[in-house]
């Protein structure tokens, strides 16, 4: 398993897969697959052994998502082994995938954006963080996309922000998927905040980061950013949410404004339309309540005839 896993990583690297993908694959191989399967030959591993692996993951407290991801890597390893002639077939195709438990359908989003912005410290970092929080809520960009944003990506005349790269796990690279490369509307308020930041920052060249660390020009440390984000929430008396929930804030507010789901999919850069549909419940429809009222209207009383 270890040898085949290493070969898989090398093949994926040759294909140009992103470093984050390679690290994820290597982690599943090192942490989950090799400890369980040990030095077993691949041609001795079948459906029963893989099902036993899934049970082991569940008993160890691993989430269904982690189990699915690990078995996905295992599937790739066996596909490589099949092409190399080490096994006749891929036994993973015979195994039923574990079913994830139902999740809470409620979306967490931030209503108290203004309270958050007021609570951001008025220090050097805060002067970059405040427009970053606003940009997250008014564009729906992911945290990595914001950290990787350059001034050349802000198109002032077209009133668009072009998402062309992201900063994830210490590395600049393309956004999450092909559809994630997109442009999003630049509202006047956000444009004003970015213009003010551009005037104040030392890092204003085209290739400089928009939300650069004020002293180094490099990306702000993610752990420090999240720590300060939570502190601002607490200081502003705002319930605790994730930074990613600013993206949900954009999605829910756009849906509430009646933005079509397909348009919202493009704005958010979702690869799968089903992901965008989580915001469908927030789409207004003035006629729906009227339809229900009409369907359950009380009958009009008939007045008696006068003699």
C-alpha atoms as a PDB file:
ATOM      1  CA  UNK A   1       0.000   0.000   0.000  1.00  0.00           C
ATOM      2  CA  UNK A   2       2.801   2.423   0.915  1.00  0.00           C
ATOM      3  CA  UNK A   3       4.690   1.721  -2.320  1.00  0.00           C
ATOM      4  CA  UNK A   4       1.622   2.008  -4.519  1.00  0.00           C
ATOM      5  CA  UNK A   5       0.539   5.140  -2.679  1.00  0.00           C
ATOM      6  CA  UNK A   6       3.899   6.786  -3.258  1.00  0.00           C
ATOM      7  CA  UNK A   7       3.737   5.920  -6.954  1.00  0.00           C
ATOM      8  CA  UNK A   8       0.242   7.433  -7.143  1.00  0.00           C
ATOM      9  CA  UNK A   9       1.508  10.685  -5.597  1.00  0.00           C
ATOM     10  CA  UNK A  10       4.360  10.807  -8.115  1.00  0.00           C
ATOM     11  CA  UNK A  11       1.991  10.219 -11.043  1.00  0.00           C
ATOM     12  CA  UNK A  12      -0.379  12.933  -9.831  1.00  0.00           C
ATOM     13  CA  UNK A  13       2.532  15.316  -9.419  1.00  0.00           C
ATOM     14  CA  UNK A  14       3.605  14.596 -12.996  1.00  0.00           C
ATOM     15  CA  UNK A  15       0.072  15.458 -14.126  1.00  0.00           C
ATOM     16  CA  UNK A  16       0.402  18.853 -12.477  1.00  0.00           C
ATOM     17  CA  UNK A  17      -2.009  18.358  -9.604  1.00  0.00           C
ATOM     18  CA  UNK A  18      -1.932  21.114  -7.011  1.00  0.00           C
ATOM     19  CA  UNK A  19       0.278  20.738  -3.967  1.00  0.00           C
ATOM     20  CA  UNK A  20      -2.740  20.866  -1.658  1.00  0.00           C
ATOM     21  CA  UNK A  21      -4.251  17.876  -3.485  1.00  0.00           C
ATOM     22  CA  UNK A  22      -1.002  15.931  -3.218  1.00  0.00           C
ATOM     23  CA  UNK A  23      -0.748  16.700   0.493  1.00  0.00           C
ATOM     24  CA  UNK A  24      -4.325  15.531   1.060  1.00  0.00           C
ATOM     25  CA  UNK A  25      -3.723  12.248  -0.772  1.00  0.00           C
ATOM     26  CA  UNK A  26      -0.443  11.675   1.078  1.00  0.00           C
ATOM     27  CA  UNK A  27      -2.142  12.346   4.416  1.00  0.00           C
ATOM     28  CA  UNK A  28      -4.887   9.754   3.812  1.00  0.00           C
ATOM     29  CA  UNK A  29      -2.297   7.194   2.735  1.00  0.00           C
ATOM     30  CA  UNK A  30      -0.024   7.823   5.721  1.00  0.00           C
ATOM     31  CA  UNK A  31      -2.675   8.282   8.430  1.00  0.00           C
ATOM     32  CA  UNK A  32      -5.414   5.843   7.379  1.00  0.00           C
ATOM     33  CA  UNK A  33      -4.541   3.377   4.620  1.00  0.00           C
ATOM     34  CA  UNK A  34      -1.023   2.212   5.475  1.00  0.00           C
ATOM     35  CA  UNK A  35      -1.684   1.712   9.221  1.00  0.00           C
ATOM     36  CA  UNK A  36      -4.748  -0.435   8.488  1.00  0.00           C
ATOM     37  CA  UNK A  37      -3.592  -2.496   5.494  1.00  0.00           C
ATOM     38  CA  UNK A  38       0.053  -2.679   6.532  1.00  0.00           C
ATOM     39  CA  UNK A  39       2.204  -4.762   4.221  1.00  0.00           C
ATOM     40  CA  UNK A  40      -0.663  -6.695   2.655  1.00  0.00           C
ATOM     41  CA  UNK A  41      -0.213  -7.272  -1.058  1.00  0.00           C
ATOM     42  CA  UNK A  42      -2.721  -5.360  -3.124  1.00  0.00           C
ATOM     43  CA  UNK A  43      -3.916  -8.510  -4.874  1.00  0.00           C
ATOM     44  CA  UNK A  44      -4.855  -9.942  -1.458  1.00  0.00           C
ATOM     45  CA  UNK A  45      -7.169  -7.051  -0.643  1.00  0.00           C
ATOM     46  CA  UNK A  46     -10.781  -7.525  -1.673  1.00  0.00           C
ATOM     47  CA  UNK A  47     -14.271  -6.312  -0.938  1.00  0.00           C
ATOM     48  CA  UNK A  48     -14.356  -7.730   2.608  1.00  0.00           C
ATOM     49  CA  UNK A  49     -11.090  -6.076   3.590  1.00  0.00           C
ATOM     50  CA  UNK A  50     -12.243  -2.715   2.271  1.00  0.00           C
ATOM     51  CA  UNK A  51     -15.571  -3.027   4.088  1.00  0.00           C
ATOM     52  CA  UNK A  52     -13.608  -3.855   7.258  1.00  0.00           C
ATOM     53  CA  UNK A  53     -11.605  -0.671   6.692  1.00  0.00           C
ATOM     54  CA  UNK A  54     -14.810   1.392   6.525  1.00  0.00           C
ATOM     55  CA  UNK A  55     -16.047  -0.178   9.775  1.00  0.00           C
ATOM     56  CA  UNK A  56     -12.686   0.510  11.401  1.00  0.00           C
ATOM     57  CA  UNK A  57     -12.870   4.168  10.397  1.00  0.00           C
ATOM     58  CA  UNK A  58     -16.381   4.494  11.868  1.00  0.00           C
ATOM     59  CA  UNK A  59     -15.392   2.780  15.132  1.00  0.00           C
ATOM     60  CA  UNK A  60     -12.373   5.077  15.383  1.00  0.00           C
ATOM     61  CA  UNK A  61     -14.664   8.091  15.358  1.00  0.00           C
ATOM     62  CA  UNK A  62     -13.802   9.206  11.838  1.00  0.00           C
ATOM     63  CA  UNK A  63     -16.501  11.134  10.040  1.00  0.00           C
ATOM     64  CA  UNK A  64     -18.299   9.710   7.031  1.00  0.00           C
ATOM     65  CA  UNK A  65     -16.691  12.402   4.877  1.00  0.00           C
ATOM     66  CA  UNK A  66     -13.194  11.370   5.996  1.00  0.00           C
ATOM     67  CA  UNK A  67     -14.003   7.719   5.300  1.00  0.00           C
ATOM     68  CA  UNK A  68     -15.317   8.556   1.839  1.00  0.00           C
ATOM     69  CA  UNK A  69     -12.224  10.622   1.066  1.00  0.00           C
ATOM     70  CA  UNK A  70      -9.867   7.882   2.253  1.00  0.00           C
ATOM     71  CA  UNK A  71     -11.669   5.185   0.254  1.00  0.00           C
ATOM     72  CA  UNK A  72     -11.569   7.539  -2.730  1.00  0.00           C
ATOM     73  CA  UNK A  73      -7.776   7.601  -2.482  1.00  0.00           C
ATOM     74  CA  UNK A  74      -7.819   3.813  -2.114  1.00  0.00           C
ATOM     75  CA  UNK A  75      -9.898   3.599  -5.288  1.00  0.00           C
ATOM     76  CA  UNK A  76      -7.261   5.661  -7.128  1.00  0.00           C
ATOM     77  CA  UNK A  77      -4.503   3.404  -5.845  1.00  0.00           C
ATOM     78  CA  UNK A  78      -6.269   0.301  -7.147  1.00  0.00           C
ATOM     79  CA  UNK A  79      -6.970   1.973 -10.487  1.00  0.00           C
ATOM     80  CA  UNK A  80      -3.232   2.610 -10.802  1.00  0.00           C
ATOM     81  CA  UNK A  81      -2.500  -0.971  -9.754  1.00  0.00           C
ATOM     82  CA  UNK A  82      -4.948  -2.288 -12.354  1.00  0.00           C
ATOM     83  CA  UNK A  83      -3.302  -0.277 -15.112  1.00  0.00           C
ATOM     84  CA  UNK A  84       0.115  -1.520 -13.980  1.00  0.00           C
ATOM     85  CA  UNK A  85      -1.110  -5.123 -14.064  1.00  0.00           C
ATOM     86  CA  UNK A  86      -0.652  -5.717 -10.346  1.00  0.00           C
ATOM     87  CA  UNK A  87      -4.339  -6.556  -9.823  1.00  0.00           C
ATOM     88  CA  UNK A  88      -6.992  -7.861 -12.196  1.00  0.00           C
ATOM     89  CA  UNK A  89      -9.819  -5.559 -11.042  1.00  0.00           C
ATOM     90  CA  UNK A  90     -10.505  -2.700  -8.682  1.00  0.00           C
ATOM     91  CA  UNK A  91     -12.253  -4.152  -5.603  1.00  0.00           C
ATOM     92  CA  UNK A  92     -13.437  -0.698  -4.503  1.00  0.00           C
ATOM     93  CA  UNK A  93     -16.078  -0.793  -7.241  1.00  0.00           C
ATOM     94  CA  UNK A  94     -17.772  -3.693  -5.412  1.00  0.00           C
ATOM     95  CA  UNK A  95     -18.107  -1.845  -2.108  1.00  0.00           C
ATOM     96  CA  UNK A  96     -21.145   0.223  -1.155  1.00  0.00           C
ATOM     97  CA  UNK A  97     -20.205   3.738  -0.033  1.00  0.00           C
ATOM     98  CA  UNK A  98     -21.101   4.654   3.556  1.00  0.00           C
ATOM     99  CA  UNK A  99     -24.058   7.002   3.786  1.00  0.00           C
ATOM    100  CA  UNK A 100     -23.524  10.342   5.458  1.00  0.00           C
ATOM    101  CA  UNK A 101     -26.011  11.176   8.246  1.00  0.00           C
ATOM    102  CA  UNK A 102     -28.567  13.872   7.457  1.00  0.00           C
ATOM    103  CA  UNK A 103     -27.211  17.359   8.027  1.00  0.00           C
ATOM    104  CA  UNK A 104     -28.812  20.480   9.397  1.00  0.00           C
ATOM    105  CA  UNK A 105     -30.305  22.315   6.440  1.00  0.00           C
ATOM    106  CA  UNK A 106     -30.004  25.712   8.124  1.00  0.00           C
ATOM    107  CA  UNK A 107     -27.376  28.016   6.677  1.00  0.00           C
ATOM    108  CA  UNK A 108     -25.304  30.077   9.060  1.00  0.00           C
ATOM    109  CA  UNK A 109     -24.914  33.645   7.907  1.00  0.00           C
ATOM    110  CA  UNK A 110     -24.147  36.993   9.487  1.00  0.00           C
ATOM    111  CA  UNK A 111     -26.883  39.574   9.847  1.00  0.00           C
ATOM    112  CA  UNK A 112     -24.877  41.967  12.029  1.00  0.00           C
ATOM    113  CA  UNK A 113     -22.235  42.912   9.448  1.00  0.00           C
ATOM    114  CA  UNK A 114     -22.146  46.541  10.539  1.00  0.00           C
ATOM    115  CA  UNK A 115     -21.546  45.557  14.166  1.00  0.00           C
ATOM    116  CA  UNK A 116     -18.642  43.370  13.064  1.00  0.00           C
ATOM    117  CA  UNK A 117     -17.094  46.151  10.978  1.00  0.00           C
ATOM    118  CA  UNK A 118     -17.382  48.647  13.844  1.00  0.00           C
ATOM    119  CA  UNK A 119     -15.635  46.207  16.187  1.00  0.00           C
ATOM    120  CA  UNK A 120     -12.534  45.756  14.006  1.00  0.00           C
ATOM    121  CA  UNK A 121      -9.534  47.302  15.819  1.00  0.00           C
ATOM    122  CA  UNK A 122      -8.273  50.560  14.362  1.00  0.00           C
ATOM    123  CA  UNK A 123      -4.710  49.317  13.990  1.00  0.00           C
ATOM    124  CA  UNK A 124      -2.533  48.482  10.984  1.00  0.00           C
ATOM    125  CA  UNK A 125      -3.993  44.999  10.535  1.00  0.00           C
ATOM    126  CA  UNK A 126      -7.507  46.235  11.162  1.00  0.00           C
ATOM    127  CA  UNK A 127      -7.288  48.678   8.272  1.00  0.00           C
ATOM    128  CA  UNK A 128      -6.827  45.685   5.955  1.00  0.00           C
ATOM    129  CA  UNK A 129      -9.220  43.361   7.767  1.00  0.00           C
ATOM    130  CA  UNK A 130     -12.236  45.675   7.722  1.00  0.00           C
ATOM    131  CA  UNK A 131     -12.482  45.908   3.896  1.00  0.00           C
ATOM    132  CA  UNK A 132     -11.644  42.194   3.677  1.00  0.00           C
ATOM    133  CA  UNK A 133     -14.661  41.277   5.816  1.00  0.00           C
ATOM    134  CA  UNK A 134     -16.828  43.594   3.753  1.00  0.00           C
ATOM    135  CA  UNK A 135     -15.493  42.080   0.525  1.00  0.00           C
ATOM    136  CA  UNK A 136     -16.231  38.569   1.788  1.00  0.00           C
ATOM    137  CA  UNK A 137     -19.841  39.533   2.511  1.00  0.00           C
ATOM    138  CA  UNK A 138     -20.377  41.628  -0.645  1.00  0.00           C
ATOM    139  CA  UNK A 139     -18.695  39.328  -3.188  1.00  0.00           C
ATOM    140  CA  UNK A 140     -19.001  35.824  -1.722  1.00  0.00           C
ATOM    141  CA  UNK A 141     -15.304  35.199  -2.331  1.00  0.00           C
ATOM    142  CA  UNK A 142     -13.630  32.422  -0.366  1.00  0.00           C
ATOM    143  CA  UNK A 143     -10.996  33.300   2.210  1.00  0.00           C
ATOM    144  CA  UNK A 144      -8.174  31.915   0.056  1.00  0.00           C
ATOM    145  CA  UNK A 145      -9.426  33.918  -2.930  1.00  0.00           C
ATOM    146  CA  UNK A 146      -9.394  37.112  -0.863  1.00  0.00           C
ATOM    147  CA  UNK A 147      -5.882  36.427   0.429  1.00  0.00           C
ATOM    148  CA  UNK A 148      -4.674  35.865  -3.135  1.00  0.00           C
ATOM    149  CA  UNK A 149      -6.386  38.917  -4.641  1.00  0.00           C
ATOM    150  CA  UNK A 150      -4.096  41.415  -6.406  1.00  0.00           C
ATOM    151  CA  UNK A 151      -4.808  45.020  -7.307  1.00  0.00           C
ATOM    152  CA  UNK A 152      -4.695  44.088 -10.992  1.00  0.00           C
ATOM    153  CA  UNK A 153      -7.738  41.862 -10.335  1.00  0.00           C
ATOM    154  CA  UNK A 154      -9.858  44.857  -9.283  1.00  0.00           C
ATOM    155  CA  UNK A 155     -11.419  46.279 -12.437  1.00  0.00           C
ATOM    156  CA  UNK A 156     -12.604  49.712 -11.345  1.00  0.00           C
ATOM    157  CA  UNK A 157     -14.039  50.790 -14.706  1.00  0.00           C
ATOM    158  CA  UNK A 158     -16.030  47.590 -15.272  1.00  0.00           C
ATOM    159  CA  UNK A 159     -17.023  47.443 -11.592  1.00  0.00           C
ATOM    160  CA  UNK A 160     -15.879  43.822 -11.341  1.00  0.00           C
ATOM    161  CA  UNK A 161     -13.489  41.819  -9.188  1.00  0.00           C
ATOM    162  CA  UNK A 162     -11.793  39.060 -11.164  1.00  0.00           C
ATOM    163  CA  UNK A 163     -11.050  35.886  -9.203  1.00  0.00           C
ATOM    164  CA  UNK A 164      -7.944  34.411 -10.789  1.00  0.00           C
ATOM    165  CA  UNK A 165      -6.001  32.750  -7.982  1.00  0.00           C
ATOM    166  CA  UNK A 166      -6.119  31.749  -4.323  1.00  0.00           C
ATOM    167  CA  UNK A 167      -3.693  31.475  -1.439  1.00  0.00           C
ATOM    168  CA  UNK A 168      -4.182  28.124   0.321  1.00  0.00           C
ATOM    169  CA  UNK A 169      -1.822  26.318   2.715  1.00  0.00           C
ATOM    170  CA  UNK A 170       1.008  28.705   2.059  1.00  0.00           C
ATOM    171  CA  UNK A 171       0.840  28.470  -1.709  1.00  0.00           C
ATOM    172  CA  UNK A 172      -0.578  30.622  -4.503  1.00  0.00           C
ATOM    173  CA  UNK A 173      -2.498  28.684  -7.112  1.00  0.00           C
ATOM    174  CA  UNK A 174      -5.624  28.658  -9.246  1.00  0.00           C
ATOM    175  CA  UNK A 175      -9.020  28.839  -7.516  1.00  0.00           C
ATOM    176  CA  UNK A 176     -10.769  25.729  -6.228  1.00  0.00           C
ATOM    177  CA  UNK A 177     -12.172  24.624  -9.614  1.00  0.00           C
ATOM    178  CA  UNK A 178     -12.445  25.856 -13.201  1.00  0.00           C
ATOM    179  CA  UNK A 179     -15.785  27.463 -12.466  1.00  0.00           C
ATOM    180  CA  UNK A 180     -14.203  29.241  -9.492  1.00  0.00           C
ATOM    181  CA  UNK A 181     -12.249  31.433 -11.944  1.00  0.00           C
ATOM    182  CA  UNK A 182     -14.847  34.137 -12.401  1.00  0.00           C
ATOM    183  CA  UNK A 183     -15.651  37.795 -11.941  1.00  0.00           C
ATOM    184  CA  UNK A 184     -18.022  39.187  -9.341  1.00  0.00           C
ATOM    185  CA  UNK A 185     -19.798  42.568  -9.167  1.00  0.00           C
ATOM    186  CA  UNK A 186     -18.019  45.410  -7.381  1.00  0.00           C
ATOM    187  CA  UNK A 187     -20.641  47.460  -5.524  1.00  0.00           C
ATOM    188  CA  UNK A 188     -20.055  51.167  -4.930  1.00  0.00           C
ATOM    189  CA  UNK A 189     -19.619  50.815  -1.184  1.00  0.00           C
ATOM    190  CA  UNK A 190     -16.971  48.129  -1.521  1.00  0.00           C
ATOM    191  CA  UNK A 191     -15.270  50.047  -4.336  1.00  0.00           C
ATOM    192  CA  UNK A 192     -15.010  53.052  -2.024  1.00  0.00           C
ATOM    193  CA  UNK A 193     -13.501  50.985   0.786  1.00  0.00           C
ATOM    194  CA  UNK A 194     -10.976  49.400  -1.568  1.00  0.00           C
ATOM    195  CA  UNK A 195     -10.060  52.786  -3.001  1.00  0.00           C
ATOM    196  CA  UNK A 196      -9.419  54.081   0.510  1.00  0.00           C
ATOM    197  CA  UNK A 197      -7.280  51.025   1.288  1.00  0.00           C
ATOM    198  CA  UNK A 198      -5.329  51.548  -1.944  1.00  0.00           C
ATOM    199  CA  UNK A 199      -4.537  55.116  -0.893  1.00  0.00           C
ATOM    200  CA  UNK A 200      -3.395  54.099   2.598  1.00  0.00           C
ATOM    201  CA  UNK A 201      -1.410  50.917   1.931  1.00  0.00           C
ATOM    202  CA  UNK A 202       2.269  50.733   1.067  1.00  0.00           C
ATOM    203  CA  UNK A 203       1.500  47.874  -1.317  1.00  0.00           C
ATOM    204  CA  UNK A 204      -0.378  49.358  -4.253  1.00  0.00           C
ATOM    205  CA  UNK A 205       1.430  48.009  -7.344  1.00  0.00           C
ATOM    206  CA  UNK A 206      -0.600  45.910  -9.775  1.00  0.00           C
ATOM    207  CA  UNK A 207       0.878  42.634  -8.527  1.00  0.00           C
ATOM    208  CA  UNK A 208       0.703  43.560  -4.845  1.00  0.00           C
ATOM    209  CA  UNK A 209      -1.904  41.883  -2.675  1.00  0.00           C
ATOM    210  CA  UNK A 210      -5.049  43.857  -1.941  1.00  0.00           C
ATOM    211  CA  UNK A 211      -5.279  42.533   1.609  1.00  0.00           C
ATOM    212  CA  UNK A 212      -1.547  42.320   2.227  1.00  0.00           C
ATOM    213  CA  UNK A 213       0.032  42.307   5.662  1.00  0.00           C
ATOM    214  CA  UNK A 214       0.641  46.031   6.214  1.00  0.00           C
ATOM    215  CA  UNK A 215       4.296  45.563   7.211  1.00  0.00           C
ATOM    216  CA  UNK A 216       5.500  42.779   4.908  1.00  0.00           C
ATOM    217  CA  UNK A 217       3.227  42.874   1.865  1.00  0.00           C
ATOM    218  CA  UNK A 218       2.761  39.111   2.203  1.00  0.00           C
ATOM    219  CA  UNK A 219      -0.505  37.250   2.908  1.00  0.00           C
ATOM    220  CA  UNK A 220      -1.909  37.682   6.394  1.00  0.00           C
ATOM    221  CA  UNK A 221      -1.398  34.584   8.521  1.00  0.00           C
ATOM    222  CA  UNK A 222      -4.625  32.580   8.404  1.00  0.00           C
ATOM    223  CA  UNK A 223      -4.596  31.502  12.060  1.00  0.00           C
ATOM    224  CA  UNK A 224      -4.005  35.066  13.236  1.00  0.00           C
ATOM    225  CA  UNK A 225      -6.736  36.322  10.892  1.00  0.00           C
ATOM    226  CA  UNK A 226      -9.281  33.868  12.305  1.00  0.00           C
ATOM    227  CA  UNK A 227      -8.283  34.685  15.879  1.00  0.00           C
ATOM    228  CA  UNK A 228      -8.789  38.402  15.279  1.00  0.00           C
ATOM    229  CA  UNK A 229     -12.035  37.719  13.388  1.00  0.00           C
ATOM    230  CA  UNK A 230     -13.472  35.875  16.386  1.00  0.00           C
ATOM    231  CA  UNK A 231     -12.256  38.627  18.719  1.00  0.00           C
ATOM    232  CA  UNK A 232     -14.056  41.240  16.609  1.00  0.00           C
ATOM    233  CA  UNK A 233     -17.255  39.182  16.704  1.00  0.00           C
ATOM    234  CA  UNK A 234     -17.038  38.972  20.477  1.00  0.00           C
ATOM    235  CA  UNK A 235     -16.198  42.657  20.885  1.00  0.00           C
ATOM    236  CA  UNK A 236     -19.115  43.636  18.660  1.00  0.00           C
ATOM    237  CA  UNK A 237     -21.572  41.449  20.570  1.00  0.00           C
ATOM    238  CA  UNK A 238     -22.116  39.308  17.493  1.00  0.00           C
ATOM    239  CA  UNK A 239     -22.819  35.581  17.733  1.00  0.00           C
ATOM    240  CA  UNK A 240     -19.880  33.428  16.716  1.00  0.00           C
ATOM    241  CA  UNK A 241     -19.806  32.409  13.067  1.00  0.00           C
ATOM    242  CA  UNK A 242     -17.116  31.102  10.756  1.00  0.00           C
ATOM    243  CA  UNK A 243     -15.272  33.322   8.293  1.00  0.00           C
ATOM    244  CA  UNK A 244     -16.813  31.138   5.578  1.00  0.00           C
ATOM    245  CA  UNK A 245     -20.255  32.220   6.773  1.00  0.00           C
ATOM    246  CA  UNK A 246     -19.572  35.648   5.271  1.00  0.00           C
ATOM    247  CA  UNK A 247     -19.785  33.829   1.934  1.00  0.00           C
ATOM    248  CA  UNK A 248     -23.145  32.385   3.002  1.00  0.00           C
ATOM    249  CA  UNK A 249     -24.206  35.922   3.894  1.00  0.00           C
ATOM    250  CA  UNK A 250     -23.649  36.958   0.288  1.00  0.00           C
ATOM    251  CA  UNK A 251     -25.505  33.898  -1.019  1.00  0.00           C
ATOM    252  CA  UNK A 252     -28.566  34.359   1.177  1.00  0.00           C
ATOM    253  CA  UNK A 253     -28.833  38.105   0.548  1.00  0.00           C
ATOM    254  CA  UNK A 254     -28.492  37.713  -3.203  1.00  0.00           C
ATOM    255  CA  UNK A 255     -31.156  35.009  -3.201  1.00  0.00           C
ATOM    256  CA  UNK A 256     -33.419  37.231  -1.096  1.00  0.00           C
ATOM    257  CA  UNK A 257     -33.024  39.951  -3.739  1.00  0.00           C
ATOM    258  CA  UNK A 258     -34.360  37.554  -6.363  1.00  0.00           C
ATOM    259  CA  UNK A 259     -31.059  36.837  -8.146  1.00  0.00           C
ATOM    260  CA  UNK A 260     -31.627  33.724 -10.327  1.00  0.00           C
ATOM    261  CA  UNK A 261     -29.962  30.594  -8.981  1.00  0.00           C
ATOM    262  CA  UNK A 262     -27.915  30.080 -12.162  1.00  0.00           C
ATOM    263  CA  UNK A 263     -26.561  33.625 -11.884  1.00  0.00           C
ATOM    264  CA  UNK A 264     -25.782  33.073  -8.217  1.00  0.00           C
ATOM    265  CA  UNK A 265     -23.942  29.882  -9.139  1.00  0.00           C
ATOM    266  CA  UNK A 266     -21.682  31.900 -11.429  1.00  0.00           C
ATOM    267  CA  UNK A 267     -21.128  34.575  -8.778  1.00  0.00           C
ATOM    268  CA  UNK A 268     -20.131  32.027  -6.147  1.00  0.00           C
ATOM    269  CA  UNK A 269     -18.131  29.826  -8.509  1.00  0.00           C
ATOM    270  CA  UNK A 270     -19.946  26.628  -7.558  1.00  0.00           C
ATOM    271  CA  UNK A 271     -19.050  23.680  -9.749  1.00  0.00           C
ATOM    272  CA  UNK A 272     -22.248  21.822  -8.872  1.00  0.00           C
ATOM    273  CA  UNK A 273     -25.603  23.581  -9.222  1.00  0.00           C
ATOM    274  CA  UNK A 274     -26.934  21.514  -6.313  1.00  0.00           C
ATOM    275  CA  UNK A 275     -24.574  23.405  -4.010  1.00  0.00           C
ATOM    276  CA  UNK A 276     -26.158  26.712  -5.033  1.00  0.00           C
ATOM    277  CA  UNK A 277     -29.661  25.389  -4.384  1.00  0.00           C
ATOM    278  CA  UNK A 278     -29.082  25.578  -0.620  1.00  0.00           C
ATOM    279  CA  UNK A 279     -29.965  29.264  -1.020  1.00  0.00           C
ATOM    280  CA  UNK A 280     -33.218  28.600  -2.881  1.00  0.00           C
ATOM    281  CA  UNK A 281     -35.273  28.816   0.338  1.00  0.00           C
ATOM    282  CA  UNK A 282     -34.287  32.475   0.644  1.00  0.00           C
ATOM    283  CA  UNK A 283     -35.668  33.402  -2.781  1.00  0.00           C
ATOM    284  CA  UNK A 284     -38.806  35.556  -2.428  1.00  0.00           C
ATOM    285  CA  UNK A 285     -41.998  34.811  -4.292  1.00  0.00           C
ATOM    286  CA  UNK A 286     -44.775  37.293  -3.743  1.00  0.00           C
ATOM    287  CA  UNK A 287     -47.423  35.006  -5.229  1.00  0.00           C
ATOM    288  CA  UNK A 288     -46.833  31.846  -3.184  1.00  0.00           C
ATOM    289  CA  UNK A 289     -48.559  33.124  -0.058  1.00  0.00           C
ATOM    290  CA  UNK A 290     -51.452  34.334  -2.199  1.00  0.00           C
ATOM    291  CA  UNK A 291     -51.788  30.869  -3.763  1.00  0.00           C
ATOM    292  CA  UNK A 292     -52.021  29.263  -0.320  1.00  0.00           C
ATOM    293  CA  UNK A 293     -54.534  31.882   0.830  1.00  0.00           C
ATOM    294  CA  UNK A 294     -56.713  31.200  -2.216  1.00  0.00           C
ATOM    295  CA  UNK A 295     -56.508  27.439  -1.801  1.00  0.00           C
ATOM    296  CA  UNK A 296     -57.638  27.566   1.827  1.00  0.00           C
ATOM    297  CA  UNK A 297     -60.006  30.530   1.663  1.00  0.00           C
ATOM    298  CA  UNK A 298     -63.172  30.204   3.713  1.00  0.00           C
ATOM    299  CA  UNK A 299     -66.317  29.911   1.604  1.00  0.00           C
ATOM    300  CA  UNK A 300     -68.239  33.144   1.187  1.00  0.00           C
ATOM    301  CA  UNK A 301     -71.521  32.928   3.126  1.00  0.00           C
ATOM    302  CA  UNK A 302     -74.662  32.986   0.979  1.00  0.00           C
ATOM    303  CA  UNK A 303     -77.181  35.632   1.970  1.00  0.00           C
ATOM    304  CA  UNK A 304     -80.772  34.358   2.385  1.00  0.00           C
ATOM    305  CA  UNK A 305     -83.333  35.395  -0.214  1.00  0.00           C
ATOM    306  CA  UNK A 306     -85.842  38.005   0.943  1.00  0.00           C
ATOM    307  CA  UNK A 307     -89.529  37.114   0.424  1.00  0.00           C
END
